[in-house]
Amino acid sequence: MPLINGPIPSFYYVPLRSLTLNGQSIPVNSRHVMLDTGAALTMLDSDLVQSLEAGVKNIMKLPTVQRPGLSLCFDIRSNRNVRYPIITFEFDGVSLTLDVGHVFMFLDANTACLAIISSGGADQPGVIGNRAQVNFHIGYDLDNRKISIAGVNCANF
């Protein structure tokens, strides 16, 4: 996928074309997101996060709980067989499908929190944080301004 210019020249930006939640498309207002290994969480514009959270709540159907710094957390103690959603980021020619470990943080045995938060408005660049990059090889071809992504099981290294 192509690298594009963003507001901060030292970061690597890619065009986010769409996002799906269990195969259902969610409108994307952002023009680009940066790949940031220094940020733990993924941050997207507030409208996208609100739509995503509404869809996740509808899928999970569990009570929510408040946790500082995270906008959507679930009380999972009543259901140990939780049905977690699959989220896919679509870039130019590349799909990044995230599983439960990429998308949720387990704060304790009873609490699962969405690891995607708001970056602010649509004018703020989104961030694909390091949690979402686990078990992916990400190659940066700076000369040709391209990024490649391939899934890998890092436990095998």
C-alpha atoms as a PDB file:
ATOM      1  CA  MET A   1       0.000   0.000   0.000  1.00  0.00           C
ATOM      2  CA  PRO A   2       1.270   3.509  -0.634  1.00  0.00           C
ATOM      3  CA  LEU A   3       2.806   5.777   1.948  1.00  0.00           C
ATOM      4  CA  ILE A   4       1.155   9.183   1.844  1.00  0.00           C
ATOM      5  CA  ASN A   5       2.149  12.553   3.250  1.00  0.00           C
ATOM      6  CA  GLY A   6       0.551  13.481   6.541  1.00  0.00           C
ATOM      7  CA  PRO A   7       0.621  16.407   8.928  1.00  0.00           C
ATOM      8  CA  ILE A   8       3.720  15.141  10.773  1.00  0.00           C
ATOM      9  CA  PRO A   9       6.480  14.359   8.238  1.00  0.00           C
ATOM     10  CA  SER A  10       8.384  11.924  10.482  1.00  0.00           C
ATOM     11  CA  PHE A  11       5.446   9.466  10.709  1.00  0.00           C
ATOM     12  CA  TYR A  12       4.319   6.837   8.211  1.00  0.00           C
ATOM     13  CA  TYR A  13       0.780   7.432   6.921  1.00  0.00           C
ATOM     14  CA  VAL A  14      -1.401   5.102   4.879  1.00  0.00           C
ATOM     15  CA  PRO A  15      -4.834   5.694   3.332  1.00  0.00           C
ATOM     16  CA  LEU A  16      -7.648   4.085   5.336  1.00  0.00           C
ATOM     17  CA  ARG A  17     -10.383   3.261   2.825  1.00  0.00           C
ATOM     18  CA  SER A  18     -12.901   1.386   4.970  1.00  0.00           C
ATOM     19  CA  LEU A  19     -13.477  -0.429   8.210  1.00  0.00           C
ATOM     20  CA  THR A  20     -15.695  -3.460   8.703  1.00  0.00           C
ATOM     21  CA  LEU A  21     -17.176  -4.912  11.867  1.00  0.00           C
ATOM     22  CA  ASN A  22     -18.089  -8.584  11.412  1.00  0.00           C
ATOM     23  CA  GLY A  23     -18.225  -7.897   7.675  1.00  0.00           C
ATOM     24  CA  GLN A  24     -20.496  -4.839   7.951  1.00  0.00           C
ATOM     25  CA  SER A  25     -19.008  -1.617   6.603  1.00  0.00           C
ATOM     26  CA  ILE A  26     -18.671   1.433   8.849  1.00  0.00           C
ATOM     27  CA  PRO A  27     -18.219   4.805   7.088  1.00  0.00           C
ATOM     28  CA  VAL A  28     -14.690   6.201   7.340  1.00  0.00           C
ATOM     29  CA  ASN A  29     -14.175   9.980   7.342  1.00  0.00           C
ATOM     30  CA  SER A  30     -10.410   9.901   7.852  1.00  0.00           C
ATOM     31  CA  ARG A  31      -8.133  10.424   4.900  1.00  0.00           C
ATOM     32  CA  HIS A  32      -5.197   8.657   6.462  1.00  0.00           C
ATOM     33  CA  VAL A  33      -3.871   6.924   9.549  1.00  0.00           C
ATOM     34  CA  MET A  34      -0.340   6.567  10.827  1.00  0.00           C
ATOM     35  CA  LEU A  35       1.331   3.343  11.873  1.00  0.00           C
ATOM     36  CA  ASP A  36       2.846   3.983  15.289  1.00  0.00           C
ATOM     37  CA  THR A  37       4.713   1.326  17.240  1.00  0.00           C
ATOM     38  CA  GLY A  38       5.060   3.765  20.147  1.00  0.00           C
ATOM     39  CA  ALA A  39       1.315   4.054  20.760  1.00  0.00           C
ATOM     40  CA  ALA A  40      -0.349   1.081  22.433  1.00  0.00           C
ATOM     41  CA  LEU A  41      -3.918   1.872  21.430  1.00  0.00           C
ATOM     42  CA  THR A  42      -5.491   2.510  18.059  1.00  0.00           C
ATOM     43  CA  MET A  43      -6.997   5.997  17.792  1.00  0.00           C
ATOM     44  CA  LEU A  44      -9.565   6.960  15.170  1.00  0.00           C
ATOM     45  CA  ASP A  45     -11.771   9.996  14.599  1.00  0.00           C
ATOM     46  CA  SER A  46     -14.611  10.360  17.086  1.00  0.00           C
ATOM     47  CA  ASP A  47     -17.448   9.705  14.604  1.00  0.00           C
ATOM     48  CA  LEU A  48     -15.844   6.448  13.499  1.00  0.00           C
ATOM     49  CA  VAL A  49     -15.208   5.368  17.105  1.00  0.00           C
ATOM     50  CA  GLN A  50     -18.819   6.129  18.074  1.00  0.00           C
ATOM     51  CA  SER A  51     -20.128   4.023  15.170  1.00  0.00           C
ATOM     52  CA  LEU A  52     -17.686   1.236  15.984  1.00  0.00           C
ATOM     53  CA  GLU A  53     -18.607   1.247  19.681  1.00  0.00           C
ATOM     54  CA  ALA A  54     -22.335   1.107  18.883  1.00  0.00           C
ATOM     55  CA  GLY A  55     -21.744  -1.903  16.641  1.00  0.00           C
ATOM     56  CA  VAL A  56     -19.533  -3.652  19.210  1.00  0.00           C
ATOM     57  CA  LYS A  57     -22.152  -3.123  21.956  1.00  0.00           C
ATOM     58  CA  ASN A  58     -24.815  -4.575  19.678  1.00  0.00           C
ATOM     59  CA  ILE A  59     -22.715  -7.657  18.932  1.00  0.00           C
ATOM     60  CA  MET A  60     -21.495  -8.332  22.468  1.00  0.00           C
ATOM     61  CA  LYS A  61     -24.725  -7.612  24.360  1.00  0.00           C
ATOM     62  CA  LEU A  62     -22.959  -7.401  27.733  1.00  0.00           C
ATOM     63  CA  PRO A  63     -23.148  -4.867  30.571  1.00  0.00           C
ATOM     64  CA  THR A  64     -20.658  -2.017  30.272  1.00  0.00           C
ATOM     65  CA  VAL A  65     -18.406  -0.698  33.026  1.00  0.00           C
ATOM     66  CA  GLN A  66     -16.376   2.504  33.335  1.00  0.00           C
ATOM     67  CA  ARG A  67     -12.574   2.427  33.277  1.00  0.00           C
ATOM     68  CA  PRO A  68     -10.312   5.510  33.182  1.00  0.00           C
ATOM     69  CA  GLY A  69      -8.890   6.348  29.758  1.00  0.00           C
ATOM     70  CA  LEU A  70     -10.964   3.783  27.884  1.00  0.00           C
ATOM     71  CA  SER A  71     -14.341   4.573  26.394  1.00  0.00           C
ATOM     72  CA  LEU A  72     -15.900   1.106  26.122  1.00  0.00           C
ATOM     73  CA  CYS A  73     -15.418  -1.684  28.640  1.00  0.00           C
ATOM     74  CA  PHE A  74     -17.537  -4.760  29.276  1.00  0.00           C
ATOM     75  CA  ASP A  75     -18.246  -6.808  32.377  1.00  0.00           C
ATOM     76  CA  ILE A  76     -17.549 -10.325  31.066  1.00  0.00           C
ATOM     77  CA  ARG A  77     -17.994 -12.260  34.310  1.00  0.00           C
ATOM     78  CA  SER A  78     -21.581 -13.235  33.412  1.00  0.00           C
ATOM     79  CA  ASN A  79     -20.523 -14.819  30.121  1.00  0.00           C
ATOM     80  CA  ARG A  80     -17.217 -16.641  29.734  1.00  0.00           C
ATOM     81  CA  ASN A  81     -18.092 -17.574  26.123  1.00  0.00           C
ATOM     82  CA  VAL A  82     -18.109 -14.009  24.843  1.00  0.00           C
ATOM     83  CA  ARG A  83     -18.580 -13.525  21.103  1.00  0.00           C
ATOM     84  CA  TYR A  84     -15.942 -10.936  20.216  1.00  0.00           C
ATOM     85  CA  PRO A  85     -16.277  -9.055  16.928  1.00  0.00           C
ATOM     86  CA  ILE A  86     -13.824  -9.149  14.042  1.00  0.00           C
ATOM     87  CA  ILE A  87     -12.631  -5.762  12.839  1.00  0.00           C
ATOM     88  CA  THR A  88     -10.930  -5.296   9.474  1.00  0.00           C
ATOM     89  CA  PHE A  89      -9.126  -2.171   8.310  1.00  0.00           C
ATOM     90  CA  GLU A  90      -9.070  -1.819   4.514  1.00  0.00           C
ATOM     91  CA  PHE A  91      -6.213   0.125   2.991  1.00  0.00           C
ATOM     92  CA  ASP A  92      -5.235   0.417  -0.679  1.00  0.00           C
ATOM     93  CA  GLY A  93      -4.908  -3.241  -1.640  1.00  0.00           C
ATOM     94  CA  VAL A  94      -4.293  -4.485   1.915  1.00  0.00           C
ATOM     95  CA  SER A  95      -6.689  -5.790   4.555  1.00  0.00           C
ATOM     96  CA  LEU A  96      -5.683  -5.873   8.205  1.00  0.00           C
ATOM     97  CA  THR A  97      -8.031  -8.248  10.047  1.00  0.00           C
ATOM     98  CA  LEU A  98      -7.789  -7.953  13.809  1.00  0.00           C
ATOM     99  CA  ASP A  99      -8.706 -10.635  16.303  1.00  0.00           C
ATOM    100  CA  VAL A 100      -9.712 -10.337  19.947  1.00  0.00           C
ATOM    101  CA  GLY A 101      -6.138  -9.775  21.177  1.00  0.00           C
ATOM    102  CA  HIS A 102      -5.667  -6.856  18.787  1.00  0.00           C
ATOM    103  CA  VAL A 103      -8.990  -5.238  19.604  1.00  0.00           C
ATOM    104  CA  PHE A 104      -9.547  -5.864  23.327  1.00  0.00           C
ATOM    105  CA  MET A 105      -7.529  -5.386  26.489  1.00  0.00           C
ATOM    106  CA  PHE A 106      -8.340  -7.602  29.451  1.00  0.00           C
ATOM    107  CA  LEU A 107      -7.816  -5.460  32.532  1.00  0.00           C
ATOM    108  CA  ASP A 108      -8.692  -8.315  34.864  1.00  0.00           C
ATOM    109  CA  ALA A 109     -10.621 -11.600  34.714  1.00  0.00           C
ATOM    110  CA  ASN A 110     -13.922  -9.720  34.578  1.00  0.00           C
ATOM    111  CA  THR A 111     -13.248  -6.720  32.323  1.00  0.00           C
ATOM    112  CA  ALA A 112     -12.625  -6.479  28.569  1.00  0.00           C
ATOM    113  CA  CYS A 113     -12.064  -3.020  27.066  1.00  0.00           C
ATOM    114  CA  LEU A 114     -12.030  -1.959  23.437  1.00  0.00           C
ATOM    115  CA  ALA A 115      -8.440  -0.967  22.580  1.00  0.00           C
ATOM    116  CA  ILE A 116      -9.660   1.629  20.074  1.00  0.00           C
ATOM    117  CA  ILE A 117     -10.291   5.167  21.302  1.00  0.00           C
ATOM    118  CA  SER A 118     -11.037   8.586  19.827  1.00  0.00           C
ATOM    119  CA  SER A 119      -8.219  10.727  18.455  1.00  0.00           C
ATOM    120  CA  GLY A 120     -10.560  13.707  18.322  1.00  0.00           C
ATOM    121  CA  GLY A 121     -12.225  15.071  15.204  1.00  0.00           C
ATOM    122  CA  ALA A 122     -11.812  13.999  11.584  1.00  0.00           C
ATOM    123  CA  ASP A 123      -9.015  16.576  11.213  1.00  0.00           C
ATOM    124  CA  GLN A 124      -6.840  14.638  13.689  1.00  0.00           C
ATOM    125  CA  PRO A 125      -4.769  11.834  12.164  1.00  0.00           C
ATOM    126  CA  GLY A 126      -5.753   8.342  13.177  1.00  0.00           C
ATOM    127  CA  VAL A 127      -3.218   5.945  14.655  1.00  0.00           C
ATOM    128  CA  ILE A 128      -2.898   2.194  14.247  1.00  0.00           C
ATOM    129  CA  GLY A 129      -1.180   1.394  17.541  1.00  0.00           C
ATOM    130  CA  ASN A 130       1.235  -1.399  18.386  1.00  0.00           C
ATOM    131  CA  ARG A 131      -1.454  -3.627  19.907  1.00  0.00           C
ATOM    132  CA  ALA A 132      -3.097  -3.860  16.460  1.00  0.00           C
ATOM    133  CA  GLN A 133       0.286  -4.575  14.836  1.00  0.00           C
ATOM    134  CA  VAL A 134       1.135  -7.662  16.914  1.00  0.00           C
ATOM    135  CA  ASN A 135       1.685 -10.791  14.780  1.00  0.00           C
ATOM    136  CA  PHE A 136       2.109  -8.793  11.597  1.00  0.00           C
ATOM    137  CA  HIS A 137       5.331  -8.201   9.699  1.00  0.00           C
ATOM    138  CA  ILE A 138       5.221  -4.621   8.494  1.00  0.00           C
ATOM    139  CA  GLY A 139       7.737  -3.701   5.822  1.00  0.00           C
ATOM    140  CA  TYR A 140       8.638  -0.091   5.089  1.00  0.00           C
ATOM    141  CA  ASP A 141       9.976   0.578   1.572  1.00  0.00           C
ATOM    142  CA  LEU A 142      10.802   4.251   1.953  1.00  0.00           C
ATOM    143  CA  ASP A 143      12.499   4.576  -1.454  1.00  0.00           C
ATOM    144  CA  ASN A 144       9.344   3.460  -3.265  1.00  0.00           C
ATOM    145  CA  ARG A 145       6.984   4.926  -0.624  1.00  0.00           C
ATOM    146  CA  LYS A 146       5.177   1.653   0.061  1.00  0.00           C
ATOM    147  CA  ILE A 147       4.268  -0.411   3.110  1.00  0.00           C
ATOM    148  CA  SER A 148       3.596  -4.131   3.090  1.00  0.00           C
ATOM    149  CA  ILE A 149       1.823  -6.127   5.791  1.00  0.00           C
ATOM    150  CA  ALA A 150       1.868  -9.892   6.258  1.00  0.00           C
ATOM    151  CA  GLY A 151       0.428 -11.941   9.092  1.00  0.00           C
ATOM    152  CA  VAL A 152       2.834 -14.053  11.134  1.00  0.00           C
ATOM    153  CA  ASN A 153       2.734 -15.993  14.391  1.00  0.00           C
ATOM    154  CA  CYS A 154       5.393 -14.271  16.478  1.00  0.00           C
ATOM    155  CA  ALA A 155       5.228 -17.083  19.055  1.00  0.00           C
ATOM    156  CA  ASN A 156       7.202 -19.180  16.547  1.00  0.00           C
ATOM    157  CA  PHE A 157      10.256 -16.903  16.783  1.00  0.00           C
END
